[in-house]
Amino acid sequence: MAETPTPESTQEDAVSTIDTAVESGSDTSAVATAVAEQPAAAKAITGKLSAQDLIRAFEAEQLKSDLPEIYVGDTVKVGVRIREGNKERVQPYEGVVIAKRHGGLNETITVRRIFQGVGVERVFMLHSPQVASVKVERRGKVRRAKLFYLRDRVGKATRVKQRFDR
């Protein structure tokens, strides 16, 4: 089975072809042909990245690797970067994860908490630079993928049982 030539070997082959053409005193068309074939061969071997491959490569660089396993029902503390003027600080936002959506770079969680008697929900993109940290405070034991029913509940009814096996 024939080996596929590397770009370096095709370049060396083209140079040797040019040298032999010059030494033998042949016309310049042979030299021009050898020079023209070399970049085409290198391009065919290295290949051109498609738009999808470029996007996948860029998204792979942007993914955070230090995120914990987050499940619906967990109580999490999300550190959110806040810019005030030229200063930056991290503000914690603690609540129950009521939904997870998408995947990869676009993965989001919806976190609900009660603030001064009013339910507040925020959607966080997990791989966003605005999210400084995510910490799981406690695991929740739930039987649903989305906990939107918690919106209708008040007080102690909004509690989620704790799970100890994860």
N, C-alpha and C. Protein backbone atom coordinates (compact mmCIF):
# COMPACT_ATOMS: atom_id res chain seq x y z
N MET A 1 0.85 -1.17 0.00
CA MET A 1 0.00 0.00 0.00
C MET A 1 0.90 1.23 0.00
N ALA A 2 0.54 2.22 -0.79
CA ALA A 2 1.39 3.41 -0.93
C ALA A 2 1.17 4.34 0.25
N GLU A 3 2.24 4.94 0.70
CA GLU A 3 2.16 5.91 1.79
C GLU A 3 1.70 7.24 1.24
N THR A 4 0.94 7.98 2.06
CA THR A 4 0.58 9.34 1.62
C THR A 4 1.74 10.25 1.96
N PRO A 5 2.17 11.04 0.98
CA PRO A 5 3.33 11.89 1.23
C PRO A 5 3.00 13.03 2.18
N THR A 6 3.96 13.39 3.00
CA THR A 6 3.79 14.53 3.89
C THR A 6 4.09 15.80 3.12
N PRO A 7 3.64 16.97 3.62
CA PRO A 7 3.93 18.22 2.92
C PRO A 7 5.43 18.45 2.75
N GLU A 8 6.23 18.00 3.74
CA GLU A 8 7.67 18.21 3.64
C GLU A 8 8.26 17.37 2.51
N SER A 9 7.79 16.12 2.36
CA SER A 9 8.33 15.25 1.31
C SER A 9 7.91 15.74 -0.07
N THR A 10 6.69 16.24 -0.20
CA THR A 10 6.27 16.76 -1.51
C THR A 10 7.06 18.00 -1.87
N GLN A 11 7.40 18.79 -0.88
CA GLN A 11 8.22 19.98 -1.14
C GLN A 11 9.63 19.55 -1.58
N GLU A 12 10.19 18.53 -0.92
CA GLU A 12 11.51 18.03 -1.30
C GLU A 12 11.47 17.45 -2.71
N ASP A 13 10.39 16.72 -3.05
CA ASP A 13 10.25 16.15 -4.39
C ASP A 13 10.20 17.24 -5.44
N ALA A 14 9.46 18.33 -5.15
CA ALA A 14 9.35 19.42 -6.10
C ALA A 14 10.70 20.10 -6.30
N VAL A 15 11.45 20.27 -5.20
CA VAL A 15 12.77 20.90 -5.30
C VAL A 15 13.71 20.03 -6.12
N SER A 16 13.68 18.70 -5.89
CA SER A 16 14.56 17.82 -6.66
C SER A 16 14.16 17.81 -8.13
N THR A 17 12.87 17.89 -8.44
CA THR A 17 12.41 17.96 -9.83
C THR A 17 12.92 19.23 -10.49
N ILE A 18 12.84 20.34 -9.77
CA ILE A 18 13.33 21.61 -10.31
C ILE A 18 14.84 21.53 -10.55
N ASP A 19 15.59 20.95 -9.60
CA ASP A 19 17.04 20.83 -9.74
C ASP A 19 17.40 19.99 -10.96
N THR A 20 16.73 18.86 -11.14
CA THR A 20 17.06 18.01 -12.29
C THR A 20 16.68 18.68 -13.60
N ALA A 21 15.58 19.45 -13.59
CA ALA A 21 15.17 20.15 -14.82
C ALA A 21 16.18 21.23 -15.18
N VAL A 22 16.70 21.92 -14.17
CA VAL A 22 17.67 22.98 -14.42
C VAL A 22 19.00 22.38 -14.88
N GLU A 23 19.43 21.27 -14.23
CA GLU A 23 20.71 20.63 -14.59
C GLU A 23 20.68 20.07 -16.01
N SER A 24 19.54 19.50 -16.40
CA SER A 24 19.47 18.90 -17.73
C SER A 24 19.32 19.95 -18.83
N GLY A 25 19.09 21.18 -18.44
CA GLY A 25 19.00 22.26 -19.41
C GLY A 25 17.69 22.26 -20.16
N SER A 26 16.64 21.67 -19.59
CA SER A 26 15.35 21.68 -20.27
C SER A 26 14.73 23.07 -20.20
N ASP A 27 13.65 23.23 -20.93
CA ASP A 27 13.04 24.56 -21.00
C ASP A 27 12.42 24.94 -19.65
N THR A 28 12.05 26.19 -19.52
CA THR A 28 11.53 26.71 -18.25
C THR A 28 10.12 26.24 -17.98
N SER A 29 9.43 25.69 -18.96
CA SER A 29 8.06 25.22 -18.71
C SER A 29 8.04 24.04 -17.74
N ALA A 30 9.05 23.18 -17.80
CA ALA A 30 9.13 22.05 -16.86
C ALA A 30 9.34 22.55 -15.44
N VAL A 31 10.14 23.60 -15.31
CA VAL A 31 10.37 24.18 -13.99
C VAL A 31 9.09 24.83 -13.48
N ALA A 32 8.38 25.54 -14.33
CA ALA A 32 7.14 26.20 -13.93
C ALA A 32 6.08 25.17 -13.55
N THR A 33 6.03 24.05 -14.27
CA THR A 33 5.08 22.99 -13.95
C THR A 33 5.39 22.38 -12.59
N ALA A 34 6.64 22.13 -12.30
CA ALA A 34 7.03 21.55 -11.02
C ALA A 34 6.69 22.49 -9.88
N VAL A 35 6.87 23.80 -10.09
CA VAL A 35 6.56 24.77 -9.05
C VAL A 35 5.06 24.87 -8.85
N ALA A 36 4.29 24.81 -9.93
CA ALA A 36 2.84 24.92 -9.83
C ALA A 36 2.23 23.70 -9.16
N GLU A 37 2.79 22.51 -9.35
CA GLU A 37 2.24 21.30 -8.77
C GLU A 37 2.48 21.22 -7.27
N GLN A 38 3.52 21.80 -6.79
CA GLN A 38 3.89 21.68 -5.37
C GLN A 38 2.84 22.25 -4.43
N PRO A 39 2.35 23.48 -4.57
CA PRO A 39 1.35 23.96 -3.62
C PRO A 39 0.04 23.19 -3.70
N ALA A 40 -0.36 22.73 -4.88
CA ALA A 40 -1.60 21.98 -5.00
C ALA A 40 -1.50 20.67 -4.23
N ALA A 41 -0.36 20.02 -4.32
CA ALA A 41 -0.18 18.75 -3.60
C ALA A 41 -0.21 18.97 -2.10
N ALA A 42 0.44 20.04 -1.64
CA ALA A 42 0.45 20.33 -0.20
C ALA A 42 -0.95 20.67 0.29
N LYS A 43 -1.72 21.40 -0.53
CA LYS A 43 -3.07 21.78 -0.14
C LYS A 43 -3.96 20.55 -0.04
N ALA A 44 -3.81 19.61 -0.98
CA ALA A 44 -4.63 18.40 -0.98
C ALA A 44 -4.33 17.54 0.25
N ILE A 45 -3.09 17.53 0.68
CA ILE A 45 -2.72 16.69 1.83
C ILE A 45 -3.17 17.33 3.13
N THR A 46 -2.87 18.62 3.33
CA THR A 46 -3.22 19.26 4.59
C THR A 46 -4.72 19.48 4.69
N GLY A 47 -5.40 19.74 3.57
CA GLY A 47 -6.84 19.94 3.59
C GLY A 47 -7.20 21.31 4.12
N LYS A 48 -8.39 21.73 3.76
CA LYS A 48 -8.88 23.03 4.19
C LYS A 48 -9.97 22.79 5.22
N LEU A 49 -9.93 23.49 6.34
CA LEU A 49 -10.93 23.30 7.38
C LEU A 49 -12.25 23.89 6.92
N SER A 50 -13.32 23.14 7.13
CA SER A 50 -14.63 23.67 6.78
C SER A 50 -15.09 24.63 7.86
N ALA A 51 -16.14 25.35 7.58
CA ALA A 51 -16.67 26.33 8.53
C ALA A 51 -17.12 25.62 9.82
N GLN A 52 -17.75 24.45 9.67
CA GLN A 52 -18.20 23.72 10.86
C GLN A 52 -17.03 23.28 11.72
N ASP A 53 -15.94 22.85 11.08
CA ASP A 53 -14.77 22.44 11.85
C ASP A 53 -14.15 23.61 12.59
N LEU A 54 -14.13 24.77 11.94
CA LEU A 54 -13.60 25.97 12.61
C LEU A 54 -14.45 26.33 13.82
N ILE A 55 -15.77 26.26 13.66
CA ILE A 55 -16.67 26.60 14.77
C ILE A 55 -16.50 25.60 15.91
N ARG A 56 -16.42 24.31 15.58
CA ARG A 56 -16.22 23.29 16.63
C ARG A 56 -14.92 23.51 17.38
N ALA A 57 -13.86 23.86 16.64
CA ALA A 57 -12.56 24.08 17.28
C ALA A 57 -12.61 25.28 18.20
N PHE A 58 -13.28 26.36 17.75
CA PHE A 58 -13.39 27.55 18.59
C PHE A 58 -14.21 27.27 19.83
N GLU A 59 -15.34 26.57 19.67
CA GLU A 59 -16.19 26.25 20.83
C GLU A 59 -15.47 25.35 21.82
N ALA A 60 -14.66 24.43 21.33
CA ALA A 60 -13.91 23.54 22.22
C ALA A 60 -12.93 24.33 23.08
N GLU A 61 -12.35 25.40 22.53
CA GLU A 61 -11.44 26.24 23.32
C GLU A 61 -12.18 26.98 24.42
N GLN A 62 -13.43 27.38 24.16
CA GLN A 62 -14.19 28.22 25.09
C GLN A 62 -14.85 27.44 26.22
N LEU A 63 -14.95 26.12 26.09
CA LEU A 63 -15.61 25.33 27.13
C LEU A 63 -14.84 25.37 28.43
N LYS A 64 -15.56 25.51 29.54
CA LYS A 64 -14.94 25.46 30.86
C LYS A 64 -14.82 24.01 31.29
N SER A 65 -13.70 23.67 31.91
CA SER A 65 -13.48 22.29 32.32
C SER A 65 -13.72 22.07 33.82
N ASP A 66 -13.86 23.14 34.58
CA ASP A 66 -13.95 23.01 36.04
C ASP A 66 -15.38 23.06 36.57
N LEU A 67 -16.39 22.84 35.71
CA LEU A 67 -17.77 22.89 36.17
C LEU A 67 -18.16 21.58 36.86
N PRO A 68 -18.90 21.66 37.98
CA PRO A 68 -19.35 20.43 38.64
C PRO A 68 -20.54 19.82 37.89
N GLU A 69 -20.90 18.60 38.25
CA GLU A 69 -22.09 17.97 37.70
C GLU A 69 -23.30 18.66 38.32
N ILE A 70 -24.14 19.25 37.50
CA ILE A 70 -25.32 19.97 37.98
C ILE A 70 -26.55 19.25 37.48
N TYR A 71 -27.49 19.01 38.39
CA TYR A 71 -28.74 18.36 38.05
C TYR A 71 -29.89 19.27 38.43
N VAL A 72 -31.05 19.04 37.81
CA VAL A 72 -32.24 19.79 38.17
C VAL A 72 -32.62 19.42 39.60
N GLY A 73 -32.97 20.41 40.40
CA GLY A 73 -33.31 20.19 41.81
C GLY A 73 -32.17 20.55 42.75
N ASP A 74 -30.96 20.68 42.24
CA ASP A 74 -29.82 21.05 43.08
C ASP A 74 -29.91 22.51 43.51
N THR A 75 -29.42 22.77 44.70
CA THR A 75 -29.27 24.15 45.14
C THR A 75 -27.84 24.55 44.83
N VAL A 76 -27.69 25.60 44.02
CA VAL A 76 -26.36 26.01 43.56
C VAL A 76 -26.09 27.46 43.95
N LYS A 77 -24.81 27.76 44.06
CA LYS A 77 -24.38 29.14 44.29
C LYS A 77 -23.55 29.53 43.07
N VAL A 78 -24.06 30.49 42.30
CA VAL A 78 -23.41 30.94 41.08
C VAL A 78 -22.74 32.27 41.36
N GLY A 79 -21.44 32.35 41.11
CA GLY A 79 -20.71 33.61 41.25
C GLY A 79 -20.80 34.37 39.94
N VAL A 80 -21.45 35.54 39.97
CA VAL A 80 -21.68 36.33 38.76
C VAL A 80 -20.76 37.54 38.79
N ARG A 81 -20.04 37.76 37.69
CA ARG A 81 -19.17 38.94 37.60
C ARG A 81 -20.03 40.17 37.32
N ILE A 82 -19.84 41.20 38.16
CA ILE A 82 -20.57 42.46 38.02
C ILE A 82 -19.55 43.56 37.79
N ARG A 83 -19.77 44.37 36.75
CA ARG A 83 -18.88 45.52 36.49
C ARG A 83 -19.56 46.78 36.96
N GLU A 84 -18.88 47.52 37.81
CA GLU A 84 -19.37 48.81 38.29
C GLU A 84 -18.29 49.83 38.00
N GLY A 85 -18.51 50.61 36.96
CA GLY A 85 -17.48 51.55 36.54
C GLY A 85 -16.31 50.79 35.98
N ASN A 86 -15.13 51.01 36.55
CA ASN A 86 -13.95 50.27 36.08
C ASN A 86 -13.58 49.15 37.05
N LYS A 87 -14.41 48.91 38.07
CA LYS A 87 -14.16 47.83 39.02
C LYS A 87 -15.01 46.62 38.68
N GLU A 88 -14.52 45.46 39.07
CA GLU A 88 -15.27 44.23 38.84
C GLU A 88 -15.32 43.45 40.14
N ARG A 89 -16.52 42.91 40.46
CA ARG A 89 -16.65 42.10 41.65
C ARG A 89 -17.49 40.87 41.31
N VAL A 90 -17.45 39.89 42.21
CA VAL A 90 -18.22 38.66 42.00
C VAL A 90 -19.35 38.63 43.02
N GLN A 91 -20.58 38.54 42.52
CA GLN A 91 -21.76 38.52 43.38
C GLN A 91 -22.37 37.13 43.38
N PRO A 92 -22.55 36.52 44.56
CA PRO A 92 -23.14 35.18 44.59
C PRO A 92 -24.65 35.23 44.39
N TYR A 93 -25.18 34.26 43.69
CA TYR A 93 -26.62 34.12 43.47
C TYR A 93 -26.96 32.67 43.78
N GLU A 94 -27.71 32.45 44.85
CA GLU A 94 -28.00 31.09 45.31
C GLU A 94 -29.47 30.77 45.11
N GLY A 95 -29.74 29.59 44.56
CA GLY A 95 -31.11 29.17 44.35
C GLY A 95 -31.18 27.74 43.84
N VAL A 96 -32.40 27.31 43.50
CA VAL A 96 -32.65 25.95 43.05
C VAL A 96 -32.64 25.93 41.52
N VAL A 97 -31.96 24.95 40.96
CA VAL A 97 -31.96 24.78 39.50
C VAL A 97 -33.30 24.18 39.12
N ILE A 98 -34.11 24.93 38.35
CA ILE A 98 -35.42 24.41 37.96
C ILE A 98 -35.44 23.92 36.52
N ALA A 99 -34.38 24.24 35.74
CA ALA A 99 -34.33 23.77 34.35
C ALA A 99 -32.91 23.78 33.84
N LYS A 100 -32.62 22.82 32.96
CA LYS A 100 -31.36 22.79 32.21
C LYS A 100 -31.73 22.72 30.75
N ARG A 101 -31.00 23.48 29.91
CA ARG A 101 -31.30 23.47 28.48
C ARG A 101 -30.02 23.42 27.67
N HIS A 102 -30.18 22.98 26.44
CA HIS A 102 -29.12 22.96 25.44
C HIS A 102 -27.95 22.09 25.88
N GLY A 103 -26.83 22.24 25.22
CA GLY A 103 -25.66 21.46 25.55
C GLY A 103 -24.43 22.12 24.97
N GLY A 104 -23.29 21.62 25.36
CA GLY A 104 -22.04 22.18 24.84
C GLY A 104 -21.83 23.60 25.31
N LEU A 105 -21.41 24.45 24.40
CA LEU A 105 -21.11 25.84 24.74
C LEU A 105 -22.37 26.62 25.11
N ASN A 106 -23.52 26.22 24.60
CA ASN A 106 -24.77 26.95 24.83
C ASN A 106 -25.55 26.45 26.03
N GLU A 107 -24.96 25.63 26.87
CA GLU A 107 -25.67 25.04 28.00
C GLU A 107 -26.09 26.13 29.00
N THR A 108 -27.37 26.08 29.40
CA THR A 108 -27.89 27.07 30.35
C THR A 108 -28.60 26.36 31.50
N ILE A 109 -28.62 27.05 32.65
CA ILE A 109 -29.43 26.59 33.78
C ILE A 109 -30.31 27.77 34.21
N THR A 110 -31.51 27.44 34.66
CA THR A 110 -32.41 28.45 35.21
C THR A 110 -32.42 28.26 36.72
N VAL A 111 -32.06 29.31 37.45
CA VAL A 111 -31.96 29.24 38.91
C VAL A 111 -33.05 30.13 39.51
N ARG A 112 -33.82 29.57 40.44
CA ARG A 112 -34.92 30.30 41.07
C ARG A 112 -34.63 30.48 42.55
N ARG A 113 -34.91 31.66 43.02
CA ARG A 113 -34.81 31.94 44.45
C ARG A 113 -35.91 32.90 44.86
N ILE A 114 -36.17 32.96 46.14
CA ILE A 114 -37.17 33.89 46.66
C ILE A 114 -36.41 35.06 47.28
N PHE A 115 -36.68 36.26 46.80
CA PHE A 115 -36.00 37.45 47.30
C PHE A 115 -37.05 38.44 47.76
N GLN A 116 -37.08 38.71 49.06
CA GLN A 116 -38.04 39.62 49.69
C GLN A 116 -39.47 39.25 49.33
N GLY A 117 -39.76 37.95 49.38
CA GLY A 117 -41.11 37.47 49.14
C GLY A 117 -41.50 37.37 47.67
N VAL A 118 -40.59 37.66 46.78
CA VAL A 118 -40.89 37.60 45.35
C VAL A 118 -39.97 36.57 44.71
N GLY A 119 -40.53 35.72 43.86
CA GLY A 119 -39.73 34.72 43.17
C GLY A 119 -38.94 35.36 42.04
N VAL A 120 -37.64 35.10 42.02
CA VAL A 120 -36.76 35.65 40.98
C VAL A 120 -36.06 34.49 40.29
N GLU A 121 -36.12 34.48 38.96
CA GLU A 121 -35.44 33.45 38.18
C GLU A 121 -34.41 34.11 37.29
N ARG A 122 -33.24 33.49 37.20
CA ARG A 122 -32.20 33.97 36.29
C ARG A 122 -31.69 32.80 35.48
N VAL A 123 -31.39 33.06 34.22
CA VAL A 123 -30.85 32.05 33.33
C VAL A 123 -29.37 32.35 33.17
N PHE A 124 -28.54 31.34 33.43
CA PHE A 124 -27.09 31.50 33.33
C PHE A 124 -26.54 30.60 32.23
N MET A 125 -25.72 31.16 31.37
CA MET A 125 -24.97 30.35 30.42
C MET A 125 -23.73 29.86 31.16
N LEU A 126 -23.61 28.57 31.32
CA LEU A 126 -22.56 28.02 32.18
C LEU A 126 -21.15 28.34 31.69
N HIS A 127 -20.95 28.41 30.38
CA HIS A 127 -19.60 28.63 29.84
C HIS A 127 -19.33 30.10 29.54
N SER A 128 -20.20 30.99 30.03
CA SER A 128 -20.03 32.42 29.79
C SER A 128 -18.92 32.98 30.66
N PRO A 129 -18.21 34.00 30.18
CA PRO A 129 -17.20 34.66 31.03
C PRO A 129 -17.82 35.40 32.21
N GLN A 130 -19.12 35.72 32.14
CA GLN A 130 -19.79 36.41 33.25
C GLN A 130 -19.98 35.50 34.45
N VAL A 131 -19.98 34.19 34.24
CA VAL A 131 -20.12 33.23 35.33
C VAL A 131 -18.73 32.89 35.85
N ALA A 132 -18.43 33.39 37.04
CA ALA A 132 -17.09 33.18 37.61
C ALA A 132 -16.96 31.78 38.21
N SER A 133 -18.01 31.32 38.90
CA SER A 133 -17.93 30.02 39.55
C SER A 133 -19.33 29.44 39.73
N VAL A 134 -19.40 28.13 39.83
CA VAL A 134 -20.65 27.43 40.14
C VAL A 134 -20.31 26.40 41.19
N LYS A 135 -21.05 26.44 42.31
CA LYS A 135 -20.81 25.49 43.39
C LYS A 135 -22.14 24.86 43.79
N VAL A 136 -22.15 23.53 43.88
CA VAL A 136 -23.37 22.83 44.29
C VAL A 136 -23.39 22.80 45.81
N GLU A 137 -24.41 23.44 46.40
CA GLU A 137 -24.54 23.49 47.86
C GLU A 137 -25.18 22.20 48.39
N ARG A 138 -26.26 21.75 47.73
CA ARG A 138 -26.90 20.50 48.12
C ARG A 138 -27.60 19.89 46.93
N ARG A 139 -27.70 18.57 46.94
CA ARG A 139 -28.34 17.83 45.86
C ARG A 139 -29.83 17.69 46.14
N GLY A 140 -30.63 17.80 45.12
CA GLY A 140 -32.08 17.68 45.28
C GLY A 140 -32.59 16.38 44.72
N LYS A 141 -33.61 15.82 45.38
CA LYS A 141 -34.23 14.58 44.93
C LYS A 141 -35.55 14.93 44.26
N VAL A 142 -35.56 14.87 42.92
CA VAL A 142 -36.75 15.24 42.17
C VAL A 142 -37.04 14.16 41.13
N ARG A 143 -38.27 14.17 40.60
CA ARG A 143 -38.67 13.18 39.61
C ARG A 143 -39.09 13.84 38.30
N ARG A 144 -38.69 15.06 38.09
CA ARG A 144 -39.05 15.80 36.89
C ARG A 144 -37.79 16.41 36.27
N ALA A 145 -37.84 16.65 34.97
CA ALA A 145 -36.74 17.31 34.28
C ALA A 145 -36.85 18.83 34.39
N LYS A 146 -38.06 19.33 34.55
CA LYS A 146 -38.30 20.77 34.71
C LYS A 146 -39.17 20.96 35.94
N LEU A 147 -38.78 21.89 36.80
CA LEU A 147 -39.50 22.10 38.06
C LEU A 147 -40.33 23.39 38.03
N PHE A 148 -41.03 23.62 36.92
CA PHE A 148 -41.79 24.86 36.79
C PHE A 148 -42.97 24.91 37.76
N TYR A 149 -43.38 23.77 38.31
CA TYR A 149 -44.47 23.75 39.28
C TYR A 149 -44.09 24.50 40.56
N LEU A 150 -42.79 24.72 40.80
CA LEU A 150 -42.38 25.46 42.00
C LEU A 150 -42.81 26.92 41.93
N ARG A 151 -43.08 27.42 40.72
CA ARG A 151 -43.51 28.82 40.57
C ARG A 151 -44.85 29.07 41.26
N ASP A 152 -45.69 28.04 41.32
CA ASP A 152 -47.03 28.20 41.91
C ASP A 152 -47.04 27.97 43.41
N ARG A 153 -45.94 27.53 43.96
CA ARG A 153 -45.90 27.19 45.38
C ARG A 153 -45.29 28.32 46.20
N VAL A 154 -45.70 28.37 47.48
CA VAL A 154 -45.25 29.45 48.36
C VAL A 154 -44.73 28.84 49.66
N GLY A 155 -43.72 29.47 50.24
CA GLY A 155 -43.24 29.09 51.57
C GLY A 155 -42.56 27.74 51.61
N LYS A 156 -42.96 26.93 52.61
CA LYS A 156 -42.30 25.64 52.82
C LYS A 156 -42.61 24.65 51.70
N ALA A 157 -43.64 24.89 50.92
CA ALA A 157 -44.00 23.99 49.84
C ALA A 157 -42.98 24.02 48.70
N THR A 158 -42.13 25.03 48.69
CA THR A 158 -41.13 25.14 47.63
C THR A 158 -39.87 24.34 47.92
N ARG A 159 -39.82 23.70 49.09
CA ARG A 159 -38.63 22.94 49.44
C ARG A 159 -38.49 21.70 48.58
N VAL A 160 -37.25 21.32 48.31
CA VAL A 160 -36.95 20.10 47.55
C VAL A 160 -36.21 19.16 48.50
N LYS A 161 -36.62 17.89 48.50
CA LYS A 161 -35.94 16.91 49.36
C LYS A 161 -34.48 16.80 49.00
N GLN A 162 -33.67 16.49 49.99
CA GLN A 162 -32.24 16.35 49.75
C GLN A 162 -31.91 14.94 49.32
N ARG A 163 -30.93 14.86 48.41
CA ARG A 163 -30.48 13.56 47.90
C ARG A 163 -29.07 13.33 48.42
N PHE A 164 -28.79 12.12 48.90
CA PHE A 164 -27.49 11.86 49.51
C PHE A 164 -26.62 10.91 48.70
N ASP A 165 -27.15 10.33 47.61
CA ASP A 165 -26.39 9.30 46.91
C ASP A 165 -25.50 9.84 45.79
N ARG A 166 -25.57 11.12 45.44
CA ARG A 166 -24.70 11.65 44.38
C ARG A 166 -23.54 12.39 44.95
